[in-house]
Amino acid sequence: MQRPFVVVVLLFLFYSPILHSQDITSVGFQIPSLSANPGEEICIDLSATNFSGVVGMEWGLKWDENRLLLDTVVDLRLPTMTLENFNLLQTGSGLLRLSWFFLPP
């Protein structure tokens, strides 16, 4: 089965150097709505608001695997975050999972 889109996910997570703060409000994540032609490679930026004070998170991202194909995850901007924080085993089924924790000094 041919997949019409190839997606490169660019993680663009904003954070403050003051990650140890306990005054956390509602954290929000944004993914823009994009269009692409079949076979075209695009980059999707994931950004966050009110991320100051966050020391860990777990989430999953689901998409229609018949319309999008995850190529890679790049531009990790959180302390200690690596590709090992991502479960890439189900990306062929349209599911990306993340588990990240940071223990400030």
PDB file of N, CA and C in Angstrom:
ATOM      1  N   MET A   1       0.855  -1.173   0.000  1.00  0.00           N
ATOM      2  CA  MET A   1       0.000   0.000   0.000  1.00  0.00           C
ATOM      3  C   MET A   1       0.899   1.234   0.000  1.00  0.00           C
ATOM      4  N   GLN A   2       0.648   2.138  -0.889  1.00  0.00           N
ATOM      5  CA  GLN A   2       1.438   3.369  -0.968  1.00  0.00           C
ATOM      6  C   GLN A   2       0.838   4.440  -0.069  1.00  0.00           C
ATOM      7  N   ARG A   3       1.676   5.121   0.646  1.00  0.00           N
ATOM      8  CA  ARG A   3       1.227   6.184   1.528  1.00  0.00           C
ATOM      9  C   ARG A   3       1.388   7.509   0.810  1.00  0.00           C
ATOM     10  N   PRO A   4       0.328   8.343   0.776  1.00  0.00           N
ATOM     11  CA  PRO A   4       0.387   9.577  -0.006  1.00  0.00           C
ATOM     12  C   PRO A   4       1.255  10.676   0.580  1.00  0.00           C
ATOM     13  N   PHE A   5       1.526  10.653   1.854  1.00  0.00           N
ATOM     14  CA  PHE A   5       2.317  11.722   2.462  1.00  0.00           C
ATOM     15  C   PHE A   5       3.431  11.126   3.304  1.00  0.00           C
ATOM     16  N   VAL A   6       4.511  11.808   3.339  1.00  0.00           N
ATOM     17  CA  VAL A   6       5.593  11.481   4.263  1.00  0.00           C
ATOM     18  C   VAL A   6       5.699  12.655   5.213  1.00  0.00           C
ATOM     19  N   VAL A   7       5.738  12.371   6.489  1.00  0.00           N
ATOM     20  CA  VAL A   7       5.741  13.437   7.479  1.00  0.00           C
ATOM     21  C   VAL A   7       7.031  13.406   8.278  1.00  0.00           C
ATOM     22  N   VAL A   8       7.626  14.536   8.404  1.00  0.00           N
ATOM     23  CA  VAL A   8       8.740  14.711   9.316  1.00  0.00           C
ATOM     24  C   VAL A   8       8.202  15.554  10.460  1.00  0.00           C
ATOM     25  N   VAL A   9       8.247  15.031  11.643  1.00  0.00           N
ATOM     26  CA  VAL A   9       7.736  15.762  12.798  1.00  0.00           C
ATOM     27  C   VAL A   9       8.872  16.529  13.437  1.00  0.00           C
ATOM     28  N   LEU A  10       8.670  17.818  13.524  1.00  0.00           N
ATOM     29  CA  LEU A  10       9.650  18.694  14.151  1.00  0.00           C
ATOM     30  C   LEU A  10       9.103  19.080  15.513  1.00  0.00           C
ATOM     31  N   LEU A  11       9.729  18.571  16.535  1.00  0.00           N
ATOM     32  CA  LEU A  11       9.275  18.905  17.877  1.00  0.00           C
ATOM     33  C   LEU A  11       9.901  20.226  18.278  1.00  0.00           C
ATOM     34  N   PHE A  12       9.028  21.171  18.493  1.00  0.00           N
ATOM     35  CA  PHE A  12       9.478  22.513  18.821  1.00  0.00           C
ATOM     36  C   PHE A  12       8.820  22.874  20.147  1.00  0.00           C
ATOM     37  N   LEU A  13       9.302  22.271  21.212  1.00  0.00           N
ATOM     38  CA  LEU A  13       8.701  22.438  22.530  1.00  0.00           C
ATOM     39  C   LEU A  13       9.384  23.588  23.248  1.00  0.00           C
ATOM     40  N   PHE A  14       8.586  24.568  23.634  1.00  0.00           N
ATOM     41  CA  PHE A  14       9.121  25.703  24.358  1.00  0.00           C
ATOM     42  C   PHE A  14       9.197  25.360  25.839  1.00  0.00           C
ATOM     43  N   TYR A  15      10.252  25.757  26.480  1.00  0.00           N
ATOM     44  CA  TYR A  15      10.360  25.564  27.910  1.00  0.00           C
ATOM     45  C   TYR A  15      11.151  26.712  28.508  1.00  0.00           C
ATOM     46  N   SER A  16      10.974  26.905  29.790  1.00  0.00           N
ATOM     47  CA  SER A  16      11.701  27.920  30.528  1.00  0.00           C
ATOM     48  C   SER A  16      12.824  27.237  31.299  1.00  0.00           C
ATOM     49  N   PRO A  17      13.944  27.909  31.506  1.00  0.00           N
ATOM     50  CA  PRO A  17      14.996  27.309  32.329  1.00  0.00           C
ATOM     51  C   PRO A  17      14.542  27.047  33.756  1.00  0.00           C
ATOM     52  N   ILE A  18      13.437  27.625  34.166  1.00  0.00           N
ATOM     53  CA  ILE A  18      12.944  27.434  35.532  1.00  0.00           C
ATOM     54  C   ILE A  18      11.966  26.267  35.537  1.00  0.00           C
ATOM     55  N   LEU A  19      12.446  25.052  35.235  1.00  0.00           N
ATOM     56  CA  LEU A  19      11.575  23.888  35.144  1.00  0.00           C
ATOM     57  C   LEU A  19      11.193  23.320  36.507  1.00  0.00           C
ATOM     58  N   HIS A  20      11.823  23.784  37.579  1.00  0.00           N
ATOM     59  CA  HIS A  20      11.533  23.207  38.882  1.00  0.00           C
ATOM     60  C   HIS A  20      10.380  23.908  39.593  1.00  0.00           C
ATOM     61  N   SER A  21       9.779  24.890  38.993  1.00  0.00           N
ATOM     62  CA  SER A  21       8.663  25.601  39.608  1.00  0.00           C
ATOM     63  C   SER A  21       7.457  24.693  39.742  1.00  0.00           C
ATOM     64  N   GLN A  22       6.725  24.826  40.803  1.00  0.00           N
ATOM     65  CA  GLN A  22       5.527  24.012  41.026  1.00  0.00           C
ATOM     66  C   GLN A  22       4.245  24.749  40.660  1.00  0.00           C
ATOM     67  N   ASP A  23       4.350  25.995  40.219  1.00  0.00           N
ATOM     68  CA  ASP A  23       3.187  26.794  39.863  1.00  0.00           C
ATOM     69  C   ASP A  23       2.819  26.532  38.400  1.00  0.00           C
ATOM     70  N   ILE A  24       2.156  25.405  38.151  1.00  0.00           N
ATOM     71  CA  ILE A  24       1.836  24.997  36.793  1.00  0.00           C
ATOM     72  C   ILE A  24       0.374  25.313  36.492  1.00  0.00           C
ATOM     73  N   THR A  25       0.152  26.021  35.406  1.00  0.00           N
ATOM     74  CA  THR A  25      -1.205  26.254  34.928  1.00  0.00           C
ATOM     75  C   THR A  25      -1.480  25.234  33.831  1.00  0.00           C
ATOM     76  N   SER A  26      -2.516  25.425  33.108  1.00  0.00           N
ATOM     77  CA  SER A  26      -2.910  24.503  32.056  1.00  0.00           C
ATOM     78  C   SER A  26      -1.894  24.528  30.908  1.00  0.00           C
ATOM     79  N   VAL A  27      -1.270  23.387  30.657  1.00  0.00           N
ATOM     80  CA  VAL A  27      -0.323  23.267  29.551  1.00  0.00           C
ATOM     81  C   VAL A  27      -1.105  22.967  28.288  1.00  0.00           C
ATOM     82  N   GLY A  28      -0.716  23.611  27.201  1.00  0.00           N
ATOM     83  CA  GLY A  28      -1.383  23.353  25.933  1.00  0.00           C
ATOM     84  C   GLY A  28      -0.385  22.992  24.847  1.00  0.00           C
ATOM     85  N   PHE A  29      -0.782  22.119  23.942  1.00  0.00           N
ATOM     86  CA  PHE A  29       0.047  21.738  22.801  1.00  0.00           C
ATOM     87  C   PHE A  29      -0.686  22.123  21.528  1.00  0.00           C
ATOM     88  N   GLN A  30       0.050  22.610  20.548  1.00  0.00           N
ATOM     89  CA  GLN A  30      -0.532  23.017  19.278  1.00  0.00           C
ATOM     90  C   GLN A  30       0.195  22.311  18.134  1.00  0.00           C
ATOM     91  N   ILE A  31      -0.605  21.828  17.194  1.00  0.00           N
ATOM     92  CA  ILE A  31      -0.088  21.265  15.952  1.00  0.00           C
ATOM     93  C   ILE A  31      -0.822  21.989  14.836  1.00  0.00           C
ATOM     94  N   PRO A  32      -0.110  22.627  13.924  1.00  0.00           N
ATOM     95  CA  PRO A  32      -0.784  23.386  12.869  1.00  0.00           C
ATOM     96  C   PRO A  32      -1.478  22.472  11.864  1.00  0.00           C
ATOM     97  N   SER A  33      -2.478  22.999  11.216  1.00  0.00           N
ATOM     98  CA  SER A  33      -3.160  22.302  10.133  1.00  0.00           C
ATOM     99  C   SER A  33      -2.387  22.576   8.846  1.00  0.00           C
ATOM    100  N   LEU A  34      -1.931  21.519   8.177  1.00  0.00           N
ATOM    101  CA  LEU A  34      -1.125  21.658   6.967  1.00  0.00           C
ATOM    102  C   LEU A  34      -1.732  20.853   5.828  1.00  0.00           C
ATOM    103  N   SER A  35      -1.420  21.254   4.618  1.00  0.00           N
ATOM    104  CA  SER A  35      -1.809  20.503   3.420  1.00  0.00           C
ATOM    105  C   SER A  35      -0.550  20.140   2.665  1.00  0.00           C
ATOM    106  N   ALA A  36      -0.602  19.012   1.965  1.00  0.00           N
ATOM    107  CA  ALA A  36       0.540  18.583   1.160  1.00  0.00           C
ATOM    108  C   ALA A  36       0.032  17.771  -0.024  1.00  0.00           C
ATOM    109  N   ASN A  37       0.827  17.721  -1.055  1.00  0.00           N
ATOM    110  CA  ASN A  37       0.518  16.893  -2.211  1.00  0.00           C
ATOM    111  C   ASN A  37       0.973  15.465  -1.949  1.00  0.00           C
ATOM    112  N   PRO A  38       0.336  14.477  -2.574  1.00  0.00           N
ATOM    113  CA  PRO A  38       0.768  13.079  -2.390  1.00  0.00           C
ATOM    114  C   PRO A  38       2.260  12.926  -2.686  1.00  0.00           C
ATOM    115  N   GLY A  39       2.970  12.257  -1.765  1.00  0.00           N
ATOM    116  CA  GLY A  39       4.400  12.030  -1.907  1.00  0.00           C
ATOM    117  C   GLY A  39       5.277  13.167  -1.429  1.00  0.00           C
ATOM    118  N   GLU A  40       4.680  14.293  -1.085  1.00  0.00           N
ATOM    119  CA  GLU A  40       5.447  15.449  -0.625  1.00  0.00           C
ATOM    120  C   GLU A  40       5.836  15.273   0.836  1.00  0.00           C
ATOM    121  N   GLU A  41       7.069  15.652   1.166  1.00  0.00           N
ATOM    122  CA  GLU A  41       7.539  15.594   2.546  1.00  0.00           C
ATOM    123  C   GLU A  41       7.287  16.935   3.216  1.00  0.00           C
ATOM    124  N   ILE A  42       6.692  16.892   4.396  1.00  0.00           N
ATOM    125  CA  ILE A  42       6.425  18.108   5.151  1.00  0.00           C
ATOM    126  C   ILE A  42       6.969  17.956   6.565  1.00  0.00           C
ATOM    127  N   CYS A  43       7.109  19.077   7.224  1.00  0.00           N
ATOM    128  CA  CYS A  43       7.570  19.118   8.604  1.00  0.00           C
ATOM    129  C   CYS A  43       6.436  19.693   9.450  1.00  0.00           C
ATOM    130  N   ILE A  44       6.111  19.047  10.544  1.00  0.00           N
ATOM    131  CA  ILE A  44       5.035  19.520  11.410  1.00  0.00           C
ATOM    132  C   ILE A  44       5.640  19.953  12.736  1.00  0.00           C
ATOM    133  N   ASP A  45       5.461  21.224  13.081  1.00  0.00           N
ATOM    134  CA  ASP A  45       5.964  21.756  14.349  1.00  0.00           C
ATOM    135  C   ASP A  45       4.956  21.503  15.452  1.00  0.00           C
ATOM    136  N   LEU A  46       5.414  20.943  16.547  1.00  0.00           N
ATOM    137  CA  LEU A  46       4.597  20.791  17.750  1.00  0.00           C
ATOM    138  C   LEU A  46       5.112  21.812  18.745  1.00  0.00           C
ATOM    139  N   SER A  47       4.233  22.673  19.238  1.00  0.00           N
ATOM    140  CA  SER A  47       4.664  23.677  20.212  1.00  0.00           C
ATOM    141  C   SER A  47       3.811  23.575  21.464  1.00  0.00           C
ATOM    142  N   ALA A  48       4.306  24.169  22.530  1.00  0.00           N
ATOM    143  CA  ALA A  48       3.617  24.104  23.817  1.00  0.00           C
ATOM    144  C   ALA A  48       3.492  25.505  24.407  1.00  0.00           C
ATOM    145  N   THR A  49       2.436  25.712  25.176  1.00  0.00           N
ATOM    146  CA  THR A  49       2.249  26.945  25.937  1.00  0.00           C
ATOM    147  C   THR A  49       2.145  26.586  27.416  1.00  0.00           C
ATOM    148  N   ASN A  50       2.508  27.530  28.271  1.00  0.00           N
ATOM    149  CA  ASN A  50       2.472  27.325  29.728  1.00  0.00           C
ATOM    150  C   ASN A  50       3.278  26.105  30.146  1.00  0.00           C
ATOM    151  N   PHE A  51       4.428  25.920  29.535  1.00  0.00           N
ATOM    152  CA  PHE A  51       5.242  24.733  29.802  1.00  0.00           C
ATOM    153  C   PHE A  51       6.224  24.921  30.942  1.00  0.00           C
ATOM    154  N   SER A  52       6.371  26.135  31.433  1.00  0.00           N
ATOM    155  CA  SER A  52       7.287  26.409  32.533  1.00  0.00           C
ATOM    156  C   SER A  52       6.880  25.614  33.770  1.00  0.00           C
ATOM    157  N   GLY A  53       7.826  24.941  34.382  1.00  0.00           N
ATOM    158  CA  GLY A  53       7.549  24.183  35.593  1.00  0.00           C
ATOM    159  C   GLY A  53       7.246  22.719  35.348  1.00  0.00           C
ATOM    160  N   VAL A  54       7.134  22.303  34.117  1.00  0.00           N
ATOM    161  CA  VAL A  54       6.840  20.899  33.814  1.00  0.00           C
ATOM    162  C   VAL A  54       8.119  20.085  33.964  1.00  0.00           C
ATOM    163  N   VAL A  55       8.042  18.999  34.712  1.00  0.00           N
ATOM    164  CA  VAL A  55       9.200  18.131  34.902  1.00  0.00           C
ATOM    165  C   VAL A  55       8.972  16.738  34.319  1.00  0.00           C
ATOM    166  N   GLY A  56       7.833  16.524  33.699  1.00  0.00           N
ATOM    167  CA  GLY A  56       7.573  15.236  33.074  1.00  0.00           C
ATOM    168  C   GLY A  56       6.267  15.255  32.307  1.00  0.00           C
ATOM    169  N   MET A  57       6.170  14.361  31.333  1.00  0.00           N
ATOM    170  CA  MET A  57       4.924  14.238  30.578  1.00  0.00           C
ATOM    171  C   MET A  57       4.899  12.901  29.863  1.00  0.00           C
ATOM    172  N   GLU A  58       3.697  12.425  29.612  1.00  0.00           N
ATOM    173  CA  GLU A  58       3.456  11.244  28.799  1.00  0.00           C
ATOM    174  C   GLU A  58       2.260  11.540  27.922  1.00  0.00           C
ATOM    175  N   TRP A  59       2.369  11.269  26.637  1.00  0.00           N
ATOM    176  CA  TRP A  59       1.246  11.484  25.735  1.00  0.00           C
ATOM    177  C   TRP A  59       1.398  10.636  24.492  1.00  0.00           C
ATOM    178  N   GLY A  60       0.323  10.551  23.754  1.00  0.00           N
ATOM    179  CA  GLY A  60       0.330   9.843  22.485  1.00  0.00           C
ATOM    180  C   GLY A  60      -0.255  10.736  21.403  1.00  0.00           C
ATOM    181  N   LEU A  61       0.203  10.550  20.197  1.00  0.00           N
ATOM    182  CA  LEU A  61      -0.290  11.301  19.047  1.00  0.00           C
ATOM    183  C   LEU A  61      -0.779  10.285  18.025  1.00  0.00           C
ATOM    184  N   LYS A  62      -2.044  10.416  17.593  1.00  0.00           N
ATOM    185  CA  LYS A  62      -2.660   9.471  16.663  1.00  0.00           C
ATOM    186  C   LYS A  62      -2.995  10.181  15.364  1.00  0.00           C
ATOM    187  N   TRP A  63      -2.776   9.519  14.235  1.00  0.00           N
ATOM    188  CA  TRP A  63      -3.101  10.064  12.923  1.00  0.00           C
ATOM    189  C   TRP A  63      -3.574   8.927  12.021  1.00  0.00           C
ATOM    190  N   ASP A  64      -4.147   9.291  10.885  1.00  0.00           N
ATOM    191  CA  ASP A  64      -4.611   8.318   9.900  1.00  0.00           C
ATOM    192  C   ASP A  64      -3.398   7.796   9.132  1.00  0.00           C
ATOM    193  N   GLU A  65      -3.014   6.569   9.427  1.00  0.00           N
ATOM    194  CA  GLU A  65      -1.821   5.993   8.816  1.00  0.00           C
ATOM    195  C   GLU A  65      -1.966   5.760   7.308  1.00  0.00           C
ATOM    196  N   ASN A  66      -3.172   5.847   6.781  1.00  0.00           N
ATOM    197  CA  ASN A  66      -3.371   5.736   5.337  1.00  0.00           C
ATOM    198  C   ASN A  66      -3.108   7.058   4.618  1.00  0.00           C
ATOM    199  N   ARG A  67      -2.999   8.145   5.386  1.00  0.00           N
ATOM    200  CA  ARG A  67      -2.771   9.463   4.786  1.00  0.00           C
ATOM    201  C   ARG A  67      -1.422  10.066   5.151  1.00  0.00           C
ATOM    202  N   LEU A  68      -0.849   9.636   6.282  1.00  0.00           N
ATOM    203  CA  LEU A  68       0.429  10.185   6.746  1.00  0.00           C
ATOM    204  C   LEU A  68       1.371   9.068   7.145  1.00  0.00           C
ATOM    205  N   LEU A  69       2.650   9.304   6.925  1.00  0.00           N
ATOM    206  CA  LEU A  69       3.698   8.377   7.320  1.00  0.00           C
ATOM    207  C   LEU A  69       4.739   9.167   8.108  1.00  0.00           C
ATOM    208  N   LEU A  70       5.054   8.716   9.294  1.00  0.00           N
ATOM    209  CA  LEU A  70       6.077   9.377  10.102  1.00  0.00           C
ATOM    210  C   LEU A  70       7.447   8.945   9.605  1.00  0.00           C
ATOM    211  N   ASP A  71       8.262   9.919   9.252  1.00  0.00           N
ATOM    212  CA  ASP A  71       9.606   9.635   8.778  1.00  0.00           C
ATOM    213  C   ASP A  71      10.607   9.693   9.917  1.00  0.00           C
ATOM    214  N   THR A  72      10.570  10.768  10.693  1.00  0.00           N
ATOM    215  CA  THR A  72      11.524  10.914  11.790  1.00  0.00           C
ATOM    216  C   THR A  72      11.030  11.963  12.784  1.00  0.00           C
ATOM    217  N   VAL A  73      11.629  11.975  13.938  1.00  0.00           N
ATOM    218  CA  VAL A  73      11.385  12.986  14.971  1.00  0.00           C
ATOM    219  C   VAL A  73      12.690  13.742  15.137  1.00  0.00           C
ATOM    220  N   VAL A  74      12.636  15.079  15.031  1.00  0.00           N
ATOM    221  CA  VAL A  74      13.862  15.883  15.084  1.00  0.00           C
ATOM    222  C   VAL A  74      13.675  17.107  15.973  1.00  0.00           C
ATOM    223  N   ASP A  75      14.778  17.766  16.255  1.00  0.00           N
ATOM    224  CA  ASP A  75      14.822  19.047  16.964  1.00  0.00           C
ATOM    225  C   ASP A  75      14.218  18.954  18.364  1.00  0.00           C
ATOM    226  N   LEU A  76      14.754  18.061  19.162  1.00  0.00           N
ATOM    227  CA  LEU A  76      14.286  17.860  20.532  1.00  0.00           C
ATOM    228  C   LEU A  76      14.874  18.952  21.414  1.00  0.00           C
ATOM    229  N   ARG A  77      14.030  19.754  22.032  1.00  0.00           N
ATOM    230  CA  ARG A  77      14.512  20.935  22.754  1.00  0.00           C
ATOM    231  C   ARG A  77      14.255  20.908  24.260  1.00  0.00           C
ATOM    232  N   LEU A  78      14.051  19.764  24.821  1.00  0.00           N
ATOM    233  CA  LEU A  78      13.855  19.671  26.270  1.00  0.00           C
ATOM    234  C   LEU A  78      15.079  19.030  26.909  1.00  0.00           C
ATOM    235  N   PRO A  79      15.398  19.431  28.139  1.00  0.00           N
ATOM    236  CA  PRO A  79      16.557  18.836  28.820  1.00  0.00           C
ATOM    237  C   PRO A  79      16.403  17.324  28.916  1.00  0.00           C
ATOM    238  N   THR A  80      17.434  16.624  28.631  1.00  0.00           N
ATOM    239  CA  THR A  80      17.557  15.161  28.711  1.00  0.00           C
ATOM    240  C   THR A  80      16.687  14.409  27.708  1.00  0.00           C
ATOM    241  N   MET A  81      15.933  15.080  26.839  1.00  0.00           N
ATOM    242  CA  MET A  81      15.079  14.374  25.877  1.00  0.00           C
ATOM    243  C   MET A  81      15.928  13.836  24.730  1.00  0.00           C
ATOM    244  N   THR A  82      15.703  12.543  24.424  1.00  0.00           N
ATOM    245  CA  THR A  82      16.364  11.891  23.297  1.00  0.00           C
ATOM    246  C   THR A  82      15.312  11.082  22.531  1.00  0.00           C
ATOM    247  N   LEU A  83      15.709  10.491  21.441  1.00  0.00           N
ATOM    248  CA  LEU A  83      14.786   9.638  20.684  1.00  0.00           C
ATOM    249  C   LEU A  83      14.322   8.441  21.504  1.00  0.00           C
ATOM    250  N   GLU A  84      15.096   8.066  22.525  1.00  0.00           N
ATOM    251  CA  GLU A  84      14.705   6.946  23.381  1.00  0.00           C
ATOM    252  C   GLU A  84      13.455   7.253  24.202  1.00  0.00           C
ATOM    253  N   ASN A  85      13.083   8.534  24.323  1.00  0.00           N
ATOM    254  CA  ASN A  85      11.855   8.900  25.020  1.00  0.00           C
ATOM    255  C   ASN A  85      10.611   8.596  24.188  1.00  0.00           C
ATOM    256  N   PHE A  86      10.795   8.293  22.918  1.00  0.00           N
ATOM    257  CA  PHE A  86       9.678   8.048  22.015  1.00  0.00           C
ATOM    258  C   PHE A  86       9.523   6.564  21.742  1.00  0.00           C
ATOM    259  N   ASN A  87       8.275   6.096  21.747  1.00  0.00           N
ATOM    260  CA  ASN A  87       7.973   4.741  21.329  1.00  0.00           C
ATOM    261  C   ASN A  87       7.571   4.821  19.863  1.00  0.00           C
ATOM    262  N   LEU A  88       8.476   4.410  18.987  1.00  0.00           N
ATOM    263  CA  LEU A  88       8.259   4.491  17.544  1.00  0.00           C
ATOM    264  C   LEU A  88       7.736   3.179  16.952  1.00  0.00           C
ATOM    265  N   LEU A  89       7.456   2.189  17.806  1.00  0.00           N
ATOM    266  CA  LEU A  89       7.073   0.867  17.318  1.00  0.00           C
ATOM    267  C   LEU A  89       5.728   0.843  16.601  1.00  0.00           C
ATOM    268  N   GLN A  90       4.828   1.778  16.906  1.00  0.00           N
ATOM    269  CA  GLN A  90       3.495   1.758  16.311  1.00  0.00           C
ATOM    270  C   GLN A  90       3.261   2.902  15.323  1.00  0.00           C
ATOM    271  N   THR A  91       4.321   3.550  14.861  1.00  0.00           N
ATOM    272  CA  THR A  91       4.126   4.657  13.924  1.00  0.00           C
ATOM    273  C   THR A  91       3.535   4.178  12.606  1.00  0.00           C
ATOM    274  N   GLY A  92       3.793   2.932  12.214  1.00  0.00           N
ATOM    275  CA  GLY A  92       3.177   2.370  11.020  1.00  0.00           C
ATOM    276  C   GLY A  92       1.676   2.224  11.160  1.00  0.00           C
ATOM    277  N   SER A  93       1.191   2.198  12.405  1.00  0.00           N
ATOM    278  CA  SER A  93      -0.245   2.143  12.689  1.00  0.00           C
ATOM    279  C   SER A  93      -0.804   3.519  13.034  1.00  0.00           C
ATOM    280  N   GLY A  94       0.023   4.561  12.879  1.00  0.00           N
ATOM    281  CA  GLY A  94      -0.443   5.925  13.130  1.00  0.00           C
ATOM    282  C   GLY A  94      -0.444   6.320  14.594  1.00  0.00           C
ATOM    283  N   LEU A  95       0.501   5.810  15.375  1.00  0.00           N
ATOM    284  CA  LEU A  95       0.548   6.142  16.799  1.00  0.00           C
ATOM    285  C   LEU A  95       1.987   6.402  17.230  1.00  0.00           C
ATOM    286  N   LEU A  96       2.205   7.547  17.857  1.00  0.00           N
ATOM    287  CA  LEU A  96       3.497   7.919  18.426  1.00  0.00           C
ATOM    288  C   LEU A  96       3.283   8.184  19.905  1.00  0.00           C
ATOM    289  N   ARG A  97       4.097   7.569  20.736  1.00  0.00           N
ATOM    290  CA  ARG A  97       3.999   7.777  22.191  1.00  0.00           C
ATOM    291  C   ARG A  97       5.288   8.407  22.701  1.00  0.00           C
ATOM    292  N   LEU A  98       5.128   9.221  23.765  1.00  0.00           N
ATOM    293  CA  LEU A  98       6.266   9.906  24.377  1.00  0.00           C
ATOM    294  C   LEU A  98       6.174   9.780  25.885  1.00  0.00           C
ATOM    295  N   SER A  99       7.312   9.528  26.512  1.00  0.00           N
ATOM    296  CA  SER A  99       7.426   9.537  27.972  1.00  0.00           C
ATOM    297  C   SER A  99       8.732  10.261  28.302  1.00  0.00           C
ATOM    298  N   TRP A 100       8.637  11.403  29.015  1.00  0.00           N
ATOM    299  CA  TRP A 100       9.811  12.217  29.327  1.00  0.00           C
ATOM    300  C   TRP A 100       9.705  12.750  30.746  1.00  0.00           C
ATOM    301  N   PHE A 101      10.817  12.675  31.463  1.00  0.00           N
ATOM    302  CA  PHE A 101      10.908  13.223  32.820  1.00  0.00           C
ATOM    303  C   PHE A 101      12.240  13.916  32.990  1.00  0.00           C
ATOM    304  N   PHE A 102      12.233  14.999  33.756  1.00  0.00           N
ATOM    305  CA  PHE A 102      13.451  15.768  34.023  1.00  0.00           C
ATOM    306  C   PHE A 102      13.496  16.067  35.504  1.00  0.00           C
ATOM    307  N   LEU A 103      14.552  15.632  36.162  1.00  0.00           N
ATOM    308  CA  LEU A 103      14.725  15.924  37.580  1.00  0.00           C
ATOM    309  C   LEU A 103      15.766  17.020  37.689  1.00  0.00           C
ATOM    310  N   PRO A 104      15.309  18.266  37.953  1.00  0.00           N
ATOM    311  CA  PRO A 104      16.275  19.368  38.028  1.00  0.00           C
ATOM    312  C   PRO A 104      17.234  19.180  39.203  1.00  0.00           C
ATOM    313  N   PRO A 105      18.435  19.749  39.070  1.00  0.00           N
ATOM    314  CA  PRO A 105      19.436  19.617  40.144  1.00  0.00           C
ATOM    315  C   PRO A 105      18.985  20.305  41.417  1.00  0.00           C
TER     316      PRO A 105
END
